[in-house]
Amino acid sequence: MAEPFPVLAGACSVPSRPLVSTLTPYGRENRAPRNHEQICEFCQFLAREWEGNRQHSYAVPSRGKSRGWSRMVDGKWSAVGLADAVSKYAWSGKNFSENKAELDRLAADLQSAIRQDSNNDVCAILQAIMHWGGVDNKHRQKRTFEWIERNADEISAKLSNAVGLIKDEQAPLDSFDGVNLIMNSTMTKIVSLADPEQKLVIYDGRVGGALGYFVARFAEEREIHQYDLADQLLFAVDREAKRRPETNRIHFPALFGNARDRCHASMVRWASQLIWQVAKECQASPREIEAALFMWGYNVMWGYNTAVEPEH
């Protein structure tokens, strides 16, 4: 297998070398290779946001899944810079350190079970991961549960294959066809924890929305138009209005639709490459960057500062 993430990590250290995308973004034709400098410039831009003074805030609904969180923040979450966002991380009533410790335990258990090809243990751990992520509703996650059940006898090999394909920059992602392999916000949690090197990030609607938020600001501040933006920076975002960081200048593709599994797998690959590089730039861990984006991306609508409907 190729060295993980050779293109982004290598290109950013060699200014004269072009960055060539081997991927075709969902819903877009393959374009001429973009100058790697724009992507590297965005990595530096996002790294500066770690200790930056950009303010972000949003109302947190007092009903539904967010009611406990809303009480913690008195109805409004706010942060100044991404590092501050990590310090205000909250999930299931736990802070970043507590959640990371839980993720580390789940990752160690999952990787051990995969190495031993203990498929029954893997399936049990997947249930625990889905419970942690709040995605264990068998009706809402029917497709994921059915895929796990259908592949229960070879789940270790399937997950190892998924991790390997995403981490190999040159590997096509056609296997993520919704039948052989699937990828969605639930599976991205599983694949991230299945990676022995822990270089694959969890790419869900919040992380995608936050990456789009910063790409949009990067483009607006530099007056970069849609047609001039590198393909790898057009992160796919989900359907929720509060997680669509659209501007008049920049529009992002949808995370759902035709070829949604391949699209989502490519987003995990791109986001992992970028976040890994940004973490190196600002001397943080990829999990910290991911957590900051997760909190930032709850609501990224431009000028949006009113309560949103509770999640269903």
C-alpha atoms as a PDB file:
ATOM      1  CA  MET A   1       0.000   0.000   0.000  1.00  0.00           C
ATOM      2  CA  ALA A   2       1.141   3.525  -0.744  1.00  0.00           C
ATOM      3  CA  GLU A   3       2.356   5.754   2.052  1.00  0.00           C
ATOM      4  CA  PRO A   4      -0.787   7.338   3.562  1.00  0.00           C
ATOM      5  CA  PHE A   5      -1.606  10.776   2.213  1.00  0.00           C
ATOM      6  CA  PRO A   6       1.557  11.263   0.103  1.00  0.00           C
ATOM      7  CA  VAL A   7       0.111  13.940  -2.153  1.00  0.00           C
ATOM      8  CA  LEU A   8      -1.039  16.542   0.337  1.00  0.00           C
ATOM      9  CA  ALA A   9       1.634  15.996   2.946  1.00  0.00           C
ATOM     10  CA  GLY A  10       4.433  15.903   0.398  1.00  0.00           C
ATOM     11  CA  ALA A  11       3.227  18.655  -1.884  1.00  0.00           C
ATOM     12  CA  CYS A  12       2.922  21.180   0.905  1.00  0.00           C
ATOM     13  CA  SER A  13       6.608  20.850   1.656  1.00  0.00           C
ATOM     14  CA  VAL A  14       7.724  21.231  -1.977  1.00  0.00           C
ATOM     15  CA  PRO A  15       6.382  24.528  -3.365  1.00  0.00           C
ATOM     16  CA  SER A  16       7.416  23.859  -6.964  1.00  0.00           C
ATOM     17  CA  ARG A  17       5.587  20.555  -7.278  1.00  0.00           C
ATOM     18  CA  PRO A  18       1.990  20.553  -8.574  1.00  0.00           C
ATOM     19  CA  LEU A  19      -0.796  18.835  -6.678  1.00  0.00           C
ATOM     20  CA  VAL A  20      -2.632  16.453  -8.965  1.00  0.00           C
ATOM     21  CA  SER A  21      -6.031  15.137  -7.939  1.00  0.00           C
ATOM     22  CA  THR A  22      -6.711  11.513  -8.760  1.00  0.00           C
ATOM     23  CA  LEU A  23     -10.351  11.909  -7.757  1.00  0.00           C
ATOM     24  CA  THR A  24     -13.417  13.156  -9.579  1.00  0.00           C
ATOM     25  CA  PRO A  25     -15.550  15.212  -7.198  1.00  0.00           C
ATOM     26  CA  TYR A  26     -19.167  14.094  -6.930  1.00  0.00           C
ATOM     27  CA  GLY A  27     -21.308  15.997  -9.430  1.00  0.00           C
ATOM     28  CA  ARG A  28     -18.320  17.631 -11.162  1.00  0.00           C
ATOM     29  CA  GLU A  29     -16.257  16.837 -14.249  1.00  0.00           C
ATOM     30  CA  ASN A  30     -12.604  16.065 -13.788  1.00  0.00           C
ATOM     31  CA  ARG A  31     -10.639  19.293 -14.221  1.00  0.00           C
ATOM     32  CA  ALA A  32      -7.090  20.183 -15.110  1.00  0.00           C
ATOM     33  CA  PRO A  33      -4.790  19.779 -12.085  1.00  0.00           C
ATOM     34  CA  ARG A  34      -4.908  22.702  -9.678  1.00  0.00           C
ATOM     35  CA  ASN A  35      -1.845  24.398  -8.395  1.00  0.00           C
ATOM     36  CA  HIS A  36      -1.050  22.762  -5.069  1.00  0.00           C
ATOM     37  CA  GLU A  37      -0.282  26.152  -3.561  1.00  0.00           C
ATOM     38  CA  GLN A  38      -3.970  26.978  -3.087  1.00  0.00           C
ATOM     39  CA  ILE A  39      -4.577  23.863  -1.006  1.00  0.00           C
ATOM     40  CA  CYS A  40      -1.422  24.426   0.998  1.00  0.00           C
ATOM     41  CA  GLU A  41      -2.445  28.054   1.498  1.00  0.00           C
ATOM     42  CA  PHE A  42      -5.808  26.888   2.815  1.00  0.00           C
ATOM     43  CA  CYS A  43      -4.070  24.472   5.211  1.00  0.00           C
ATOM     44  CA  GLN A  44      -2.051  27.389   6.565  1.00  0.00           C
ATOM     45  CA  PHE A  45      -5.205  29.516   6.728  1.00  0.00           C
ATOM     46  CA  LEU A  46      -7.025  26.872   8.758  1.00  0.00           C
ATOM     47  CA  ALA A  47      -3.989  26.328  11.000  1.00  0.00           C
ATOM     48  CA  ARG A  48      -4.008  30.052  11.829  1.00  0.00           C
ATOM     49  CA  GLU A  49      -7.670  29.716  12.820  1.00  0.00           C
ATOM     50  CA  TRP A  50      -6.578  27.363  15.610  1.00  0.00           C
ATOM     51  CA  GLU A  51      -5.287  30.206  17.755  1.00  0.00           C
ATOM     52  CA  GLY A  52      -7.178  32.842  15.787  1.00  0.00           C
ATOM     53  CA  ASN A  53      -9.715  35.389  16.957  1.00  0.00           C
ATOM     54  CA  ARG A  54     -12.596  34.516  14.635  1.00  0.00           C
ATOM     55  CA  GLN A  55     -15.816  34.489  16.618  1.00  0.00           C
ATOM     56  CA  HIS A  56     -18.600  32.004  16.036  1.00  0.00           C
ATOM     57  CA  SER A  57     -21.834  31.470  17.920  1.00  0.00           C
ATOM     58  CA  TYR A  58     -25.243  29.924  17.504  1.00  0.00           C
ATOM     59  CA  ALA A  59     -28.354  29.250  19.521  1.00  0.00           C
ATOM     60  CA  VAL A  60     -28.798  25.732  20.866  1.00  0.00           C
ATOM     61  CA  PRO A  61     -32.423  24.519  20.984  1.00  0.00           C
ATOM     62  CA  SER A  62     -33.807  23.745  24.412  1.00  0.00           C
ATOM     63  CA  ARG A  63     -35.840  20.826  23.055  1.00  0.00           C
ATOM     64  CA  GLY A  64     -34.996  17.512  21.462  1.00  0.00           C
ATOM     65  CA  LYS A  65     -31.545  15.929  21.556  1.00  0.00           C
ATOM     66  CA  SER A  66     -29.886  19.260  22.332  1.00  0.00           C
ATOM     67  CA  ARG A  67     -31.758  20.088  25.521  1.00  0.00           C
ATOM     68  CA  GLY A  68     -28.995  18.895  27.875  1.00  0.00           C
ATOM     69  CA  TRP A  69     -26.334  20.725  25.908  1.00  0.00           C
ATOM     70  CA  SER A  70     -28.542  23.831  25.779  1.00  0.00           C
ATOM     71  CA  ARG A  71     -28.761  23.882  29.570  1.00  0.00           C
ATOM     72  CA  MET A  72     -24.962  23.619  29.806  1.00  0.00           C
ATOM     73  CA  VAL A  73     -24.413  26.674  27.589  1.00  0.00           C
ATOM     74  CA  ASP A  74     -27.489  28.650  28.657  1.00  0.00           C
ATOM     75  CA  GLY A  75     -28.999  28.341  25.194  1.00  0.00           C
ATOM     76  CA  LYS A  76     -26.046  29.695  23.220  1.00  0.00           C
ATOM     77  CA  TRP A  77     -22.711  28.214  22.204  1.00  0.00           C
ATOM     78  CA  SER A  78     -19.835  30.519  21.275  1.00  0.00           C
ATOM     79  CA  ALA A  79     -16.099  30.275  20.680  1.00  0.00           C
ATOM     80  CA  VAL A  80     -13.198  32.444  19.568  1.00  0.00           C
ATOM     81  CA  GLY A  81     -10.926  30.358  17.361  1.00  0.00           C
ATOM     82  CA  LEU A  82     -10.796  26.600  16.900  1.00  0.00           C
ATOM     83  CA  ALA A  83      -8.714  25.867  20.006  1.00  0.00           C
ATOM     84  CA  ASP A  84     -11.411  27.546  22.082  1.00  0.00           C
ATOM     85  CA  ALA A  85     -14.001  25.405  20.295  1.00  0.00           C
ATOM     86  CA  VAL A  86     -12.242  22.240  21.514  1.00  0.00           C
ATOM     87  CA  SER A  87     -12.267  23.538  25.075  1.00  0.00           C
ATOM     88  CA  LYS A  88     -16.051  23.887  24.706  1.00  0.00           C
ATOM     89  CA  TYR A  89     -16.581  20.494  23.122  1.00  0.00           C
ATOM     90  CA  ALA A  90     -19.610  18.598  24.378  1.00  0.00           C
ATOM     91  CA  TRP A  91     -21.081  15.262  23.344  1.00  0.00           C
ATOM     92  CA  SER A  92     -23.416  13.140  25.449  1.00  0.00           C
ATOM     93  CA  GLY A  93     -22.618  15.294  28.466  1.00  0.00           C
ATOM     94  CA  LYS A  94     -18.863  14.685  28.201  1.00  0.00           C
ATOM     95  CA  ASN A  95     -15.992  16.997  27.279  1.00  0.00           C
ATOM     96  CA  PHE A  96     -13.308  16.366  24.657  1.00  0.00           C
ATOM     97  CA  SER A  97     -10.893  14.492  26.932  1.00  0.00           C
ATOM     98  CA  GLU A  98     -13.607  12.196  28.228  1.00  0.00           C
ATOM     99  CA  ASN A  99     -14.905  11.449  24.748  1.00  0.00           C
ATOM    100  CA  LYS A 100     -11.412  10.905  23.349  1.00  0.00           C
ATOM    101  CA  ALA A 101     -10.663   8.399  26.104  1.00  0.00           C
ATOM    102  CA  GLU A 102     -13.832   6.523  25.174  1.00  0.00           C
ATOM    103  CA  LEU A 103     -12.951   6.629  21.474  1.00  0.00           C
ATOM    104  CA  ASP A 104      -9.444   5.393  22.191  1.00  0.00           C
ATOM    105  CA  ARG A 105     -10.850   2.398  24.060  1.00  0.00           C
ATOM    106  CA  LEU A 106     -13.301   1.601  21.274  1.00  0.00           C
ATOM    107  CA  ALA A 107     -10.562   1.977  18.646  1.00  0.00           C
ATOM    108  CA  ALA A 108      -8.199  -0.352  20.519  1.00  0.00           C
ATOM    109  CA  ASP A 109     -10.921  -2.973  20.956  1.00  0.00           C
ATOM    110  CA  LEU A 110     -12.029  -2.740  17.317  1.00  0.00           C
ATOM    111  CA  GLN A 111      -8.523  -2.936  15.881  1.00  0.00           C
ATOM    112  CA  SER A 112      -7.675  -5.896  18.106  1.00  0.00           C
ATOM    113  CA  ALA A 113     -10.806  -7.765  17.029  1.00  0.00           C
ATOM    114  CA  ILE A 114     -10.081  -7.034  13.354  1.00  0.00           C
ATOM    115  CA  ARG A 115      -6.490  -8.285  13.679  1.00  0.00           C
ATOM    116  CA  GLN A 116      -7.782 -11.507  15.204  1.00  0.00           C
ATOM    117  CA  ASP A 117     -10.491 -11.758  12.513  1.00  0.00           C
ATOM    118  CA  SER A 118     -13.003 -12.138  15.325  1.00  0.00           C
ATOM    119  CA  ASN A 119     -16.082 -11.100  13.383  1.00  0.00           C
ATOM    120  CA  ASN A 120     -18.538 -11.617  16.242  1.00  0.00           C
ATOM    121  CA  ASP A 121     -16.493  -9.324  18.470  1.00  0.00           C
ATOM    122  CA  VAL A 122     -16.202  -6.752  15.677  1.00  0.00           C
ATOM    123  CA  CYS A 123     -19.983  -6.666  15.238  1.00  0.00           C
ATOM    124  CA  ALA A 124     -20.474  -6.191  18.986  1.00  0.00           C
ATOM    125  CA  ILE A 125     -17.968  -3.313  19.053  1.00  0.00           C
ATOM    126  CA  LEU A 126     -19.676  -1.688  16.076  1.00  0.00           C
ATOM    127  CA  GLN A 127     -22.872  -1.592  18.115  1.00  0.00           C
ATOM    128  CA  ALA A 128     -20.987   0.184  20.917  1.00  0.00           C
ATOM    129  CA  ILE A 129     -19.511   2.703  18.467  1.00  0.00           C
ATOM    130  CA  MET A 130     -22.920   3.416  16.987  1.00  0.00           C
ATOM    131  CA  HIS A 131     -24.345   3.890  20.468  1.00  0.00           C
ATOM    132  CA  TRP A 132     -21.553   6.353  21.316  1.00  0.00           C
ATOM    133  CA  GLY A 133     -22.271   8.276  18.123  1.00  0.00           C
ATOM    134  CA  GLY A 134     -26.021   8.373  18.730  1.00  0.00           C
ATOM    135  CA  VAL A 135     -26.603   6.505  15.476  1.00  0.00           C
ATOM    136  CA  ASP A 136     -27.921   3.208  16.789  1.00  0.00           C
ATOM    137  CA  ASN A 137     -31.571   3.720  15.824  1.00  0.00           C
ATOM    138  CA  LYS A 138     -32.353   0.680  13.689  1.00  0.00           C
ATOM    139  CA  HIS A 139     -35.027   2.515  11.724  1.00  0.00           C
ATOM    140  CA  ARG A 140     -32.990   5.604  10.861  1.00  0.00           C
ATOM    141  CA  GLN A 141     -29.843   3.541  10.291  1.00  0.00           C
ATOM    142  CA  LYS A 142     -31.570   0.647   8.533  1.00  0.00           C
ATOM    143  CA  ARG A 143     -29.183   0.587   5.568  1.00  0.00           C
ATOM    144  CA  THR A 144     -26.105   0.454   7.817  1.00  0.00           C
ATOM    145  CA  PHE A 145     -27.516  -2.260  10.075  1.00  0.00           C
ATOM    146  CA  GLU A 146     -28.489  -4.335   7.036  1.00  0.00           C
ATOM    147  CA  TRP A 147     -25.004  -3.991   5.523  1.00  0.00           C
ATOM    148  CA  ILE A 148     -23.342  -5.058   8.787  1.00  0.00           C
ATOM    149  CA  GLU A 149     -25.677  -8.024   9.161  1.00  0.00           C
ATOM    150  CA  ARG A 150     -25.208  -9.076   5.531  1.00  0.00           C
ATOM    151  CA  ASN A 151     -21.415  -8.962   5.906  1.00  0.00           C
ATOM    152  CA  ALA A 152     -21.168 -10.208   9.491  1.00  0.00           C
ATOM    153  CA  ASP A 153     -19.104 -13.278   8.541  1.00  0.00           C
ATOM    154  CA  GLU A 154     -16.435 -11.169   6.803  1.00  0.00           C
ATOM    155  CA  ILE A 155     -16.789  -7.825   8.533  1.00  0.00           C
ATOM    156  CA  SER A 156     -13.119  -7.713   9.604  1.00  0.00           C
ATOM    157  CA  ALA A 157     -11.927  -8.021   6.013  1.00  0.00           C
ATOM    158  CA  LYS A 158     -14.527  -5.547   4.764  1.00  0.00           C
ATOM    159  CA  LEU A 159     -13.479  -2.862   7.239  1.00  0.00           C
ATOM    160  CA  SER A 160      -9.773  -3.438   6.585  1.00  0.00           C
ATOM    161  CA  ASN A 161     -10.450  -3.094   2.861  1.00  0.00           C
ATOM    162  CA  ALA A 162     -12.401   0.137   3.380  1.00  0.00           C
ATOM    163  CA  VAL A 163      -9.606   1.663   5.487  1.00  0.00           C
ATOM    164  CA  GLY A 164      -6.937   0.633   2.988  1.00  0.00           C
ATOM    165  CA  LEU A 165      -8.781   2.010  -0.025  1.00  0.00           C
ATOM    166  CA  ILE A 166      -9.407   5.411   1.538  1.00  0.00           C
ATOM    167  CA  LYS A 167      -5.828   5.785   2.748  1.00  0.00           C
ATOM    168  CA  ASP A 168      -4.307   4.793  -0.607  1.00  0.00           C
ATOM    169  CA  GLU A 169      -4.284   8.056  -2.568  1.00  0.00           C
ATOM    170  CA  GLN A 170      -4.155   6.235  -5.910  1.00  0.00           C
ATOM    171  CA  ALA A 171      -6.894   3.677  -5.197  1.00  0.00           C
ATOM    172  CA  PRO A 172     -10.240   4.117  -6.969  1.00  0.00           C
ATOM    173  CA  LEU A 173     -13.234   4.271  -4.661  1.00  0.00           C
ATOM    174  CA  ASP A 174     -15.720   2.499  -6.925  1.00  0.00           C
ATOM    175  CA  SER A 175     -16.016  -0.325  -4.375  1.00  0.00           C
ATOM    176  CA  PHE A 176     -18.045   2.089  -2.250  1.00  0.00           C
ATOM    177  CA  ASP A 177     -21.121   1.313  -4.300  1.00  0.00           C
ATOM    178  CA  GLY A 178     -23.616   0.839  -1.489  1.00  0.00           C
ATOM    179  CA  VAL A 179     -23.450  -2.946  -1.802  1.00  0.00           C
ATOM    180  CA  ASN A 180     -19.830  -4.106  -1.557  1.00  0.00           C
ATOM    181  CA  LEU A 181     -18.820  -1.217   0.708  1.00  0.00           C
ATOM    182  CA  ILE A 182     -20.894   1.613   2.130  1.00  0.00           C
ATOM    183  CA  MET A 183     -19.968   5.000   3.548  1.00  0.00           C
ATOM    184  CA  ASN A 184     -22.139   7.426   5.466  1.00  0.00           C
ATOM    185  CA  SER A 185     -21.949   9.450   8.681  1.00  0.00           C
ATOM    186  CA  THR A 186     -22.256   6.259  10.714  1.00  0.00           C
ATOM    187  CA  MET A 187     -19.661   4.268   8.792  1.00  0.00           C
ATOM    188  CA  THR A 188     -17.189   7.149   8.859  1.00  0.00           C
ATOM    189  CA  LYS A 189     -17.080   6.799  12.664  1.00  0.00           C
ATOM    190  CA  ILE A 190     -16.448   3.077  12.341  1.00  0.00           C
ATOM    191  CA  VAL A 191     -13.787   3.372   9.640  1.00  0.00           C
ATOM    192  CA  SER A 192     -12.026   6.148  11.538  1.00  0.00           C
ATOM    193  CA  LEU A 193     -11.689   3.942  14.623  1.00  0.00           C
ATOM    194  CA  ALA A 194     -10.731   0.899  12.542  1.00  0.00           C
ATOM    195  CA  ASP A 195      -7.665   2.693  11.147  1.00  0.00           C
ATOM    196  CA  PRO A 196      -4.605   1.481  13.096  1.00  0.00           C
ATOM    197  CA  GLU A 197      -2.784   4.749  12.387  1.00  0.00           C
ATOM    198  CA  GLN A 198      -5.806   6.864  13.377  1.00  0.00           C
ATOM    199  CA  LYS A 199      -5.350   9.127  10.360  1.00  0.00           C
ATOM    200  CA  LEU A 200      -8.881   8.835   9.029  1.00  0.00           C
ATOM    201  CA  VAL A 201     -11.216  11.451  10.448  1.00  0.00           C
ATOM    202  CA  ILE A 202     -14.918  11.283  11.170  1.00  0.00           C
ATOM    203  CA  TYR A 203     -16.578  13.145   8.300  1.00  0.00           C
ATOM    204  CA  ASP A 204     -20.183  13.894   9.178  1.00  0.00           C
ATOM    205  CA  GLY A 205     -22.502  16.802   8.464  1.00  0.00           C
ATOM    206  CA  ARG A 206     -20.942  18.977  11.162  1.00  0.00           C
ATOM    207  CA  VAL A 207     -17.338  18.465  10.068  1.00  0.00           C
ATOM    208  CA  GLY A 208     -18.271  18.893   6.404  1.00  0.00           C
ATOM    209  CA  GLY A 209     -20.226  22.050   7.177  1.00  0.00           C
ATOM    210  CA  ALA A 210     -17.351  23.534   9.186  1.00  0.00           C
ATOM    211  CA  LEU A 211     -14.792  22.774   6.466  1.00  0.00           C
ATOM    212  CA  GLY A 212     -17.110  24.439   3.972  1.00  0.00           C
ATOM    213  CA  TYR A 213     -17.490  27.414   6.323  1.00  0.00           C
ATOM    214  CA  PHE A 214     -13.738  28.011   6.393  1.00  0.00           C
ATOM    215  CA  VAL A 215     -13.307  27.337   2.672  1.00  0.00           C
ATOM    216  CA  ALA A 216     -16.017  29.920   1.978  1.00  0.00           C
ATOM    217  CA  ARG A 217     -14.291  32.509   4.145  1.00  0.00           C
ATOM    218  CA  PHE A 218     -10.934  31.674   2.628  1.00  0.00           C
ATOM    219  CA  ALA A 219     -12.445  32.229  -0.826  1.00  0.00           C
ATOM    220  CA  GLU A 220     -14.319  35.401   0.133  1.00  0.00           C
ATOM    221  CA  GLU A 221     -11.305  37.020   1.784  1.00  0.00           C
ATOM    222  CA  ARG A 222      -9.143  36.287  -1.281  1.00  0.00           C
ATOM    223  CA  GLU A 223     -11.924  36.910  -3.827  1.00  0.00           C
ATOM    224  CA  ILE A 224     -11.543  33.405  -5.225  1.00  0.00           C
ATOM    225  CA  HIS A 225     -14.482  32.394  -7.398  1.00  0.00           C
ATOM    226  CA  GLN A 226     -16.058  28.955  -7.639  1.00  0.00           C
ATOM    227  CA  TYR A 227     -14.342  28.160 -10.938  1.00  0.00           C
ATOM    228  CA  ASP A 228     -10.938  29.053  -9.471  1.00  0.00           C
ATOM    229  CA  LEU A 229     -11.263  26.925  -6.336  1.00  0.00           C
ATOM    230  CA  ALA A 230      -9.353  23.645  -6.192  1.00  0.00           C
ATOM    231  CA  ASP A 231     -11.615  20.613  -6.494  1.00  0.00           C
ATOM    232  CA  GLN A 232     -10.319  19.199  -3.216  1.00  0.00           C
ATOM    233  CA  LEU A 233     -11.678  22.212  -1.325  1.00  0.00           C
ATOM    234  CA  LEU A 234     -15.251  21.752  -2.503  1.00  0.00           C
ATOM    235  CA  PHE A 235     -16.319  19.600   0.422  1.00  0.00           C
ATOM    236  CA  ALA A 236     -19.720  17.965   0.148  1.00  0.00           C
ATOM    237  CA  VAL A 237     -22.245  19.080   2.768  1.00  0.00           C
ATOM    238  CA  ASP A 238     -25.485  17.577   3.999  1.00  0.00           C
ATOM    239  CA  ARG A 239     -29.075  18.647   3.454  1.00  0.00           C
ATOM    240  CA  GLU A 240     -29.683  20.527   6.689  1.00  0.00           C
ATOM    241  CA  ALA A 241     -29.919  24.246   6.008  1.00  0.00           C
ATOM    242  CA  LYS A 242     -27.966  25.113   9.134  1.00  0.00           C
ATOM    243  CA  ARG A 243     -25.014  23.053   7.841  1.00  0.00           C
ATOM    244  CA  ARG A 244     -24.850  24.510   4.343  1.00  0.00           C
ATOM    245  CA  PRO A 245     -22.245  27.322   4.362  1.00  0.00           C
ATOM    246  CA  GLU A 246     -23.331  28.718   1.001  1.00  0.00           C
ATOM    247  CA  THR A 247     -22.301  32.182  -0.148  1.00  0.00           C
ATOM    248  CA  ASN A 248     -23.016  34.106  -3.325  1.00  0.00           C
ATOM    249  CA  ARG A 249     -19.507  33.211  -4.449  1.00  0.00           C
ATOM    250  CA  ILE A 250     -19.109  29.584  -3.360  1.00  0.00           C
ATOM    251  CA  HIS A 251     -21.562  26.675  -3.541  1.00  0.00           C
ATOM    252  CA  PHE A 252     -20.829  23.203  -2.227  1.00  0.00           C
ATOM    253  CA  PRO A 253     -21.965  19.859  -3.638  1.00  0.00           C
ATOM    254  CA  ALA A 254     -24.438  17.681  -1.758  1.00  0.00           C
ATOM    255  CA  LEU A 255     -23.263  14.798   0.374  1.00  0.00           C
ATOM    256  CA  PHE A 256     -26.262  12.715  -0.665  1.00  0.00           C
ATOM    257  CA  GLY A 257     -27.693  11.572  -3.991  1.00  0.00           C
ATOM    258  CA  ASN A 258     -26.337   9.338  -6.710  1.00  0.00           C
ATOM    259  CA  ALA A 259     -23.028   7.659  -5.851  1.00  0.00           C
ATOM    260  CA  ARG A 260     -23.413   8.923  -2.281  1.00  0.00           C
ATOM    261  CA  ASP A 261     -21.203   6.196  -0.809  1.00  0.00           C
ATOM    262  CA  ARG A 262     -18.319   6.932  -3.172  1.00  0.00           C
ATOM    263  CA  CYS A 263     -18.809  10.654  -2.593  1.00  0.00           C
ATOM    264  CA  HIS A 264     -18.689  10.209   1.177  1.00  0.00           C
ATOM    265  CA  ALA A 265     -15.620   7.975   0.967  1.00  0.00           C
ATOM    266  CA  SER A 266     -13.814  10.593  -1.096  1.00  0.00           C
ATOM    267  CA  MET A 267     -14.729  13.259   1.472  1.00  0.00           C
ATOM    268  CA  VAL A 268     -13.211  11.109   4.237  1.00  0.00           C
ATOM    269  CA  ARG A 269     -10.035  10.833   2.151  1.00  0.00           C
ATOM    270  CA  TRP A 270      -9.793  14.533   1.349  1.00  0.00           C
ATOM    271  CA  ALA A 271     -10.712  15.738   4.836  1.00  0.00           C
ATOM    272  CA  SER A 272      -8.274  13.300   6.445  1.00  0.00           C
ATOM    273  CA  GLN A 273      -5.427  14.496   4.248  1.00  0.00           C
ATOM    274  CA  LEU A 274      -6.192  18.124   4.962  1.00  0.00           C
ATOM    275  CA  ILE A 275      -6.810  17.798   8.707  1.00  0.00           C
ATOM    276  CA  TRP A 276      -3.671  15.681   9.134  1.00  0.00           C
ATOM    277  CA  GLN A 277      -1.653  18.456   7.494  1.00  0.00           C
ATOM    278  CA  VAL A 278      -3.366  21.230   9.467  1.00  0.00           C
ATOM    279  CA  ALA A 279      -2.711  19.373  12.724  1.00  0.00           C
ATOM    280  CA  LYS A 280       0.994  19.313  11.894  1.00  0.00           C
ATOM    281  CA  GLU A 281       0.946  23.027  11.042  1.00  0.00           C
ATOM    282  CA  CYS A 282      -0.595  24.100  14.358  1.00  0.00           C
ATOM    283  CA  GLN A 283       0.917  21.340  16.516  1.00  0.00           C
ATOM    284  CA  ALA A 284      -2.418  19.878  17.508  1.00  0.00           C
ATOM    285  CA  SER A 285      -3.741  16.357  17.096  1.00  0.00           C
ATOM    286  CA  PRO A 286      -6.045  15.442  14.191  1.00  0.00           C
ATOM    287  CA  ARG A 287      -8.715  14.478  16.745  1.00  0.00           C
ATOM    288  CA  GLU A 288      -8.540  17.975  18.234  1.00  0.00           C
ATOM    289  CA  ILE A 289      -8.961  19.590  14.809  1.00  0.00           C
ATOM    290  CA  GLU A 290     -11.821  17.220  14.032  1.00  0.00           C
ATOM    291  CA  ALA A 291     -13.493  17.984  17.392  1.00  0.00           C
ATOM    292  CA  ALA A 292     -13.162  21.747  16.876  1.00  0.00           C
ATOM    293  CA  LEU A 293     -14.746  21.491  13.429  1.00  0.00           C
ATOM    294  CA  PHE A 294     -17.480  19.263  14.848  1.00  0.00           C
ATOM    295  CA  MET A 295     -18.474  21.920  17.371  1.00  0.00           C
ATOM    296  CA  TRP A 296     -18.092  24.786  14.902  1.00  0.00           C
ATOM    297  CA  GLY A 297     -20.173  23.012  12.284  1.00  0.00           C
ATOM    298  CA  TYR A 298     -23.367  22.577  14.276  1.00  0.00           C
ATOM    299  CA  ASN A 299     -24.669  25.712  12.577  1.00  0.00           C
ATOM    300  CA  VAL A 300     -22.689  27.483   9.851  1.00  0.00           C
ATOM    301  CA  MET A 301     -25.307  29.533   8.032  1.00  0.00           C
ATOM    302  CA  TRP A 302     -24.061  33.013   7.206  1.00  0.00           C
ATOM    303  CA  GLY A 303     -25.536  35.585   9.574  1.00  0.00           C
ATOM    304  CA  TYR A 304     -27.588  32.909  11.323  1.00  0.00           C
ATOM    305  CA  ASN A 305     -28.003  33.567  15.029  1.00  0.00           C
ATOM    306  CA  THR A 306     -31.432  32.332  15.954  1.00  0.00           C
ATOM    307  CA  ALA A 307     -32.556  29.039  17.429  1.00  0.00           C
ATOM    308  CA  VAL A 308     -32.924  26.179  14.997  1.00  0.00           C
ATOM    309  CA  GLU A 309     -35.422  23.370  15.101  1.00  0.00           C
ATOM    310  CA  PRO A 310     -34.434  20.428  17.287  1.00  0.00           C
ATOM    311  CA  GLU A 311     -32.923  17.439  15.540  1.00  0.00           C
ATOM    312  CA  HIS A 312     -35.291  14.561  14.959  1.00  0.00           C
END
